[in-house]
Amino acid sequence: RLIPGVLGNPESLAEESHNEDGFLEYPNYTKPANWRGIEVPEVLLSGNHGEIAKWRATQAIKRAQENQ
């Protein structure tokens, strides 16, 4: 994946679990919105791309801090 030309869009690496920033990837969710008691955060269901991006960045930082 790091070899030039392997990915059609090099920006795809920007949100990889182990990226250049040293942050881990944000949590990922799927449908249904509540699965075995695990609920998808409302912000992810909101459709507000700006707020979703903020949430993802915050979660990536939080995960990195928890794993130090």
PDB file of N, CA and C in Angstrom:
ATOM      1  N   ARG A   1       0.809  -1.196   0.000  1.00  0.00           N
ATOM      2  CA  ARG A   1       0.000   0.000   0.000  1.00  0.00           C
ATOM      3  C   ARG A   1       0.851   1.258   0.000  1.00  0.00           C
ATOM      4  N   LEU A   2       2.063   1.157   0.442  1.00  0.00           N
ATOM      5  CA  LEU A   2       2.924   2.340   0.482  1.00  0.00           C
ATOM      6  C   LEU A   2       3.743   2.521  -0.789  1.00  0.00           C
ATOM      7  N   ILE A   3       3.674   1.565  -1.699  1.00  0.00           N
ATOM      8  CA  ILE A   3       4.402   1.664  -2.962  1.00  0.00           C
ATOM      9  C   ILE A   3       3.638   2.617  -3.877  1.00  0.00           C
ATOM     10  N   PRO A   4       4.332   3.620  -4.427  1.00  0.00           N
ATOM     11  CA  PRO A   4       3.644   4.577  -5.304  1.00  0.00           C
ATOM     12  C   PRO A   4       2.893   3.878  -6.435  1.00  0.00           C
ATOM     13  N   GLY A   5       1.659   4.319  -6.665  1.00  0.00           N
ATOM     14  CA  GLY A   5       0.845   3.776  -7.737  1.00  0.00           C
ATOM     15  C   GLY A   5      -0.018   2.588  -7.356  1.00  0.00           C
ATOM     16  N   VAL A   6       0.212   1.997  -6.171  1.00  0.00           N
ATOM     17  CA  VAL A   6      -0.577   0.834  -5.762  1.00  0.00           C
ATOM     18  C   VAL A   6      -2.025   1.243  -5.487  1.00  0.00           C
ATOM     19  N   LEU A   7      -2.201   2.367  -4.831  1.00  0.00           N
ATOM     20  CA  LEU A   7      -3.547   2.870  -4.562  1.00  0.00           C
ATOM     21  C   LEU A   7      -3.949   3.846  -5.649  1.00  0.00           C
ATOM     22  N   GLY A   8      -5.196   3.796  -6.043  1.00  0.00           N
ATOM     23  CA  GLY A   8      -5.681   4.736  -7.043  1.00  0.00           C
ATOM     24  C   GLY A   8      -5.690   6.160  -6.524  1.00  0.00           C
ATOM     25  N   ASN A   9      -5.943   6.321  -5.235  1.00  0.00           N
ATOM     26  CA  ASN A   9      -5.988   7.637  -4.612  1.00  0.00           C
ATOM     27  C   ASN A   9      -5.051   7.632  -3.408  1.00  0.00           C
ATOM     28  N   PRO A  10      -3.897   8.317  -3.483  1.00  0.00           N
ATOM     29  CA  PRO A  10      -2.940   8.322  -2.375  1.00  0.00           C
ATOM     30  C   PRO A  10      -3.532   8.851  -1.072  1.00  0.00           C
ATOM     31  N   GLU A  11      -4.602   9.625  -1.156  1.00  0.00           N
ATOM     32  CA  GLU A  11      -5.240  10.163   0.048  1.00  0.00           C
ATOM     33  C   GLU A  11      -5.885   9.048   0.873  1.00  0.00           C
ATOM     34  N   SER A  12      -6.041   7.878   0.279  1.00  0.00           N
ATOM     35  CA  SER A  12      -6.635   6.750   0.991  1.00  0.00           C
ATOM     36  C   SER A  12      -5.798   6.360   2.206  1.00  0.00           C
ATOM     37  N   LEU A  13      -4.525   6.631   2.172  1.00  0.00           N
ATOM     38  CA  LEU A  13      -3.646   6.304   3.297  1.00  0.00           C
ATOM     39  C   LEU A  13      -3.805   7.272   4.461  1.00  0.00           C
ATOM     40  N   ALA A  14      -4.426   8.408   4.237  1.00  0.00           N
ATOM     41  CA  ALA A  14      -4.519   9.455   5.260  1.00  0.00           C
ATOM     42  C   ALA A  14      -5.211   8.976   6.526  1.00  0.00           C
ATOM     43  N   GLU A  15      -6.150   8.053   6.403  1.00  0.00           N
ATOM     44  CA  GLU A  15      -6.897   7.611   7.571  1.00  0.00           C
ATOM     45  C   GLU A  15      -6.576   6.172   7.967  1.00  0.00           C
ATOM     46  N   GLU A  16      -5.445   5.667   7.528  1.00  0.00           N
ATOM     47  CA  GLU A  16      -5.025   4.320   7.893  1.00  0.00           C
ATOM     48  C   GLU A  16      -4.746   4.237   9.392  1.00  0.00           C
ATOM     49  N   SER A  17      -4.849   3.040   9.952  1.00  0.00           N
ATOM     50  CA  SER A  17      -4.630   2.852  11.385  1.00  0.00           C
ATOM     51  C   SER A  17      -3.250   3.306  11.835  1.00  0.00           C
ATOM     52  N   HIS A  18      -2.256   3.075  11.035  1.00  0.00           N
ATOM     53  CA  HIS A  18      -0.893   3.476  11.390  1.00  0.00           C
ATOM     54  C   HIS A  18      -0.428   4.464  10.338  1.00  0.00           C
ATOM     55  N   ASN A  19      -0.749   5.731  10.571  1.00  0.00           N
ATOM     56  CA  ASN A  19      -0.404   6.752   9.583  1.00  0.00           C
ATOM     57  C   ASN A  19       0.795   7.566  10.033  1.00  0.00           C
ATOM     58  N   GLU A  20       1.178   8.535   9.238  1.00  0.00           N
ATOM     59  CA  GLU A  20       2.363   9.347   9.521  1.00  0.00           C
ATOM     60  C   GLU A  20       2.243  10.142  10.809  1.00  0.00           C
ATOM     61  N   ASP A  21       1.004  10.494  11.204  1.00  0.00           N
ATOM     62  CA  ASP A  21       0.798  11.279  12.416  1.00  0.00           C
ATOM     63  C   ASP A  21       1.027  10.464  13.678  1.00  0.00           C
ATOM     64  N   GLY A  22       1.024   9.151  13.559  1.00  0.00           N
ATOM     65  CA  GLY A  22       1.190   8.298  14.723  1.00  0.00           C
ATOM     66  C   GLY A  22      -0.113   8.011  15.451  1.00  0.00           C
ATOM     67  N   PHE A  23      -1.242   8.470  14.906  1.00  0.00           N
ATOM     68  CA  PHE A  23      -2.526   8.225  15.542  1.00  0.00           C
ATOM     69  C   PHE A  23      -3.115   6.918  15.044  1.00  0.00           C
ATOM     70  N   LEU A  24      -3.880   6.288  15.911  1.00  0.00           N
ATOM     71  CA  LEU A  24      -4.626   5.107  15.504  1.00  0.00           C
ATOM     72  C   LEU A  24      -5.906   5.559  14.823  1.00  0.00           C
ATOM     73  N   GLU A  25      -6.504   4.678  14.073  1.00  0.00           N
ATOM     74  CA  GLU A  25      -7.737   5.010  13.362  1.00  0.00           C
ATOM     75  C   GLU A  25      -8.893   5.155  14.351  1.00  0.00           C
ATOM     76  N   TYR A  26      -9.852   6.001  14.002  1.00  0.00           N
ATOM     77  CA  TYR A  26     -11.060   6.191  14.804  1.00  0.00           C
ATOM     78  C   TYR A  26     -11.894   4.906  14.771  1.00  0.00           C
ATOM     79  N   PRO A  27     -12.820   4.733  15.734  1.00  0.00           N
ATOM     80  CA  PRO A  27     -13.689   3.555  15.724  1.00  0.00           C
ATOM     81  C   PRO A  27     -14.574   3.512  14.480  1.00  0.00           C
ATOM     82  N   ASN A  28     -14.851   2.327  14.011  1.00  0.00           N
ATOM     83  CA  ASN A  28     -15.738   2.138  12.859  1.00  0.00           C
ATOM     84  C   ASN A  28     -17.000   1.423  13.319  1.00  0.00           C
ATOM     85  N   TYR A  29     -18.118   1.807  12.738  1.00  0.00           N
ATOM     86  CA  TYR A  29     -19.409   1.222  13.080  1.00  0.00           C
ATOM     87  C   TYR A  29     -20.106   0.763  11.807  1.00  0.00           C
ATOM     88  N   THR A  30     -21.090  -0.112  11.979  1.00  0.00           N
ATOM     89  CA  THR A  30     -21.884  -0.595  10.858  1.00  0.00           C
ATOM     90  C   THR A  30     -23.342  -0.660  11.275  1.00  0.00           C
ATOM     91  N   LYS A  31     -24.193  -1.069  10.390  1.00  0.00           N
ATOM     92  CA  LYS A  31     -25.606  -1.204  10.733  1.00  0.00           C
ATOM     93  C   LYS A  31     -25.835  -2.562  11.356  1.00  0.00           C
ATOM     94  N   PRO A  32     -26.793  -2.696  12.239  1.00  0.00           N
ATOM     95  CA  PRO A  32     -27.754  -1.706  12.690  1.00  0.00           C
ATOM     96  C   PRO A  32     -27.121  -0.686  13.634  1.00  0.00           C
ATOM     97  N   ALA A  33     -27.838   0.385  13.899  1.00  0.00           N
ATOM     98  CA  ALA A  33     -27.313   1.471  14.735  1.00  0.00           C
ATOM     99  C   ALA A  33     -27.094   1.026  16.177  1.00  0.00           C
ATOM    100  N   ASN A  34     -27.742  -0.034  16.597  1.00  0.00           N
ATOM    101  CA  ASN A  34     -27.524  -0.609  17.921  1.00  0.00           C
ATOM    102  C   ASN A  34     -27.324  -2.102  17.721  1.00  0.00           C
ATOM    103  N   TRP A  35     -26.124  -2.558  18.049  1.00  0.00           N
ATOM    104  CA  TRP A  35     -25.791  -3.968  17.867  1.00  0.00           C
ATOM    105  C   TRP A  35     -25.206  -4.507  19.161  1.00  0.00           C
ATOM    106  N   ARG A  36     -25.911  -5.447  19.753  1.00  0.00           N
ATOM    107  CA  ARG A  36     -25.467  -6.060  21.008  1.00  0.00           C
ATOM    108  C   ARG A  36     -25.146  -5.012  22.070  1.00  0.00           C
ATOM    109  N   GLY A  37     -25.968  -3.980  22.113  1.00  0.00           N
ATOM    110  CA  GLY A  37     -25.800  -2.934  23.120  1.00  0.00           C
ATOM    111  C   GLY A  37     -24.777  -1.871  22.768  1.00  0.00           C
ATOM    112  N   ILE A  38     -24.121  -2.012  21.641  1.00  0.00           N
ATOM    113  CA  ILE A  38     -23.155  -0.999  21.195  1.00  0.00           C
ATOM    114  C   ILE A  38     -23.883  -0.075  20.227  1.00  0.00           C
ATOM    115  N   GLU A  39     -23.972   1.202  20.603  1.00  0.00           N
ATOM    116  CA  GLU A  39     -24.698   2.157  19.776  1.00  0.00           C
ATOM    117  C   GLU A  39     -23.756   3.019  18.948  1.00  0.00           C
ATOM    118  N   VAL A  40     -24.172   3.297  17.738  1.00  0.00           N
ATOM    119  CA  VAL A  40     -23.436   4.217  16.873  1.00  0.00           C
ATOM    120  C   VAL A  40     -23.639   5.620  17.434  1.00  0.00           C
ATOM    121  N   PRO A  41     -22.569   6.392  17.640  1.00  0.00           N
ATOM    122  CA  PRO A  41     -22.717   7.756  18.137  1.00  0.00           C
ATOM    123  C   PRO A  41     -23.609   8.591  17.208  1.00  0.00           C
ATOM    124  N   GLU A  42     -24.470   9.412  17.798  1.00  0.00           N
ATOM    125  CA  GLU A  42     -25.419  10.228  17.036  1.00  0.00           C
ATOM    126  C   GLU A  42     -24.734  11.072  15.969  1.00  0.00           C
ATOM    127  N   VAL A  43     -23.545  11.577  16.284  1.00  0.00           N
ATOM    128  CA  VAL A  43     -22.857  12.451  15.323  1.00  0.00           C
ATOM    129  C   VAL A  43     -22.618  11.730  13.999  1.00  0.00           C
ATOM    130  N   LEU A  44     -22.383  10.422  14.054  1.00  0.00           N
ATOM    131  CA  LEU A  44     -22.128   9.667  12.830  1.00  0.00           C
ATOM    132  C   LEU A  44     -23.390   9.456  12.007  1.00  0.00           C
ATOM    133  N   LEU A  45     -24.532   9.584  12.646  1.00  0.00           N
ATOM    134  CA  LEU A  45     -25.808   9.426  11.955  1.00  0.00           C
ATOM    135  C   LEU A  45     -26.372  10.766  11.498  1.00  0.00           C
ATOM    136  N   SER A  46     -25.716  11.855  11.894  1.00  0.00           N
ATOM    137  CA  SER A  46     -26.245  13.201  11.663  1.00  0.00           C
ATOM    138  C   SER A  46     -26.158  13.665  10.214  1.00  0.00           C
ATOM    139  N   GLY A  47     -25.182  13.150   9.472  1.00  0.00           N
ATOM    140  CA  GLY A  47     -24.978  13.632   8.106  1.00  0.00           C
ATOM    141  C   GLY A  47     -24.159  14.908   8.040  1.00  0.00           C
ATOM    142  N   ASN A  48     -23.729  15.428   9.193  1.00  0.00           N
ATOM    143  CA  ASN A  48     -22.925  16.652   9.243  1.00  0.00           C
ATOM    144  C   ASN A  48     -21.454  16.262   9.084  1.00  0.00           C
ATOM    145  N   HIS A  49     -20.946  16.399   7.877  1.00  0.00           N
ATOM    146  CA  HIS A  49     -19.592  15.926   7.573  1.00  0.00           C
ATOM    147  C   HIS A  49     -18.517  16.635   8.385  1.00  0.00           C
ATOM    148  N   GLY A  50     -18.712  17.901   8.677  1.00  0.00           N
ATOM    149  CA  GLY A  50     -17.747  18.640   9.486  1.00  0.00           C
ATOM    150  C   GLY A  50     -17.668  18.099  10.902  1.00  0.00           C
ATOM    151  N   GLU A  51     -18.822  17.864  11.505  1.00  0.00           N
ATOM    152  CA  GLU A  51     -18.859  17.321  12.868  1.00  0.00           C
ATOM    153  C   GLU A  51     -18.346  15.886  12.909  1.00  0.00           C
ATOM    154  N   ILE A  52     -18.636  15.124  11.870  1.00  0.00           N
ATOM    155  CA  ILE A  52     -18.135  13.748  11.792  1.00  0.00           C
ATOM    156  C   ILE A  52     -16.608  13.758  11.716  1.00  0.00           C
ATOM    157  N   ALA A  53     -16.036  14.651  10.930  1.00  0.00           N
ATOM    158  CA  ALA A  53     -14.574  14.757  10.816  1.00  0.00           C
ATOM    159  C   ALA A  53     -13.958  15.134  12.156  1.00  0.00           C
ATOM    160  N   LYS A  54     -14.586  16.059  12.877  1.00  0.00           N
ATOM    161  CA  LYS A  54     -14.090  16.448  14.208  1.00  0.00           C
ATOM    162  C   LYS A  54     -14.141  15.258  15.153  1.00  0.00           C
ATOM    163  N   TRP A  55     -15.247  14.525  15.135  1.00  0.00           N
ATOM    164  CA  TRP A  55     -15.404  13.366  16.009  1.00  0.00           C
ATOM    165  C   TRP A  55     -14.325  12.327  15.706  1.00  0.00           C
ATOM    166  N   ARG A  56     -14.103  12.069  14.428  1.00  0.00           N
ATOM    167  CA  ARG A  56     -13.084  11.088  14.034  1.00  0.00           C
ATOM    168  C   ARG A  56     -11.697  11.505  14.506  1.00  0.00           C
ATOM    169  N   ALA A  57     -11.361  12.782  14.355  1.00  0.00           N
ATOM    170  CA  ALA A  57     -10.049  13.275  14.789  1.00  0.00           C
ATOM    171  C   ALA A  57      -9.903  13.139  16.300  1.00  0.00           C
ATOM    172  N   THR A  58     -10.941  13.507  17.030  1.00  0.00           N
ATOM    173  CA  THR A  58     -10.913  13.408  18.491  1.00  0.00           C
ATOM    174  C   THR A  58     -10.741  11.960  18.930  1.00  0.00           C
ATOM    175  N   GLN A  59     -11.464  11.054  18.293  1.00  0.00           N
ATOM    176  CA  GLN A  59     -11.375   9.637  18.640  1.00  0.00           C
ATOM    177  C   GLN A  59     -10.001   9.058  18.317  1.00  0.00           C
ATOM    178  N   ALA A  60      -9.401   9.478  17.216  1.00  0.00           N
ATOM    179  CA  ALA A  60      -8.060   9.001  16.848  1.00  0.00           C
ATOM    180  C   ALA A  60      -7.045   9.430  17.899  1.00  0.00           C
ATOM    181  N   ILE A  61      -7.140  10.679  18.347  1.00  0.00           N
ATOM    182  CA  ILE A  61      -6.229  11.180  19.384  1.00  0.00           C
ATOM    183  C   ILE A  61      -6.462  10.424  20.683  1.00  0.00           C
ATOM    184  N   LYS A  62      -7.723  10.239  21.046  1.00  0.00           N
ATOM    185  CA  LYS A  62      -8.068   9.518  22.277  1.00  0.00           C
ATOM    186  C   LYS A  62      -7.498   8.102  22.256  1.00  0.00           C
ATOM    187  N   ARG A  63      -7.657   7.404  21.153  1.00  0.00           N
ATOM    188  CA  ARG A  63      -7.120   6.038  21.046  1.00  0.00           C
ATOM    189  C   ARG A  63      -5.599   6.017  21.161  1.00  0.00           C
ATOM    190  N   ALA A  64      -4.949   6.992  20.559  1.00  0.00           N
ATOM    191  CA  ALA A  64      -3.486   7.055  20.635  1.00  0.00           C
ATOM    192  C   ALA A  64      -3.040   7.254  22.077  1.00  0.00           C
ATOM    193  N   GLN A  65      -3.735   8.119  22.809  1.00  0.00           N
ATOM    194  CA  GLN A  65      -3.388   8.377  24.207  1.00  0.00           C
ATOM    195  C   GLN A  65      -3.632   7.142  25.073  1.00  0.00           C
ATOM    196  N   GLU A  66      -4.709   6.426  24.804  1.00  0.00           N
ATOM    197  CA  GLU A  66      -5.033   5.225  25.573  1.00  0.00           C
ATOM    198  C   GLU A  66      -4.043   4.098  25.325  1.00  0.00           C
ATOM    199  N   ASN A  67      -3.376   4.112  24.191  1.00  0.00           N
ATOM    200  CA  ASN A  67      -2.465   3.027  23.821  1.00  0.00           C
ATOM    201  C   ASN A  67      -0.997   3.367  24.007  1.00  0.00           C
ATOM    202  N   GLN A  68      -0.723   4.394  24.783  1.00  0.00           N
ATOM    203  CA  GLN A  68       0.688   4.755  25.017  1.00  0.00           C
ATOM    204  C   GLN A  68       1.251   3.956  26.153  1.00  0.00           C
TER     205      GLN A  68
END
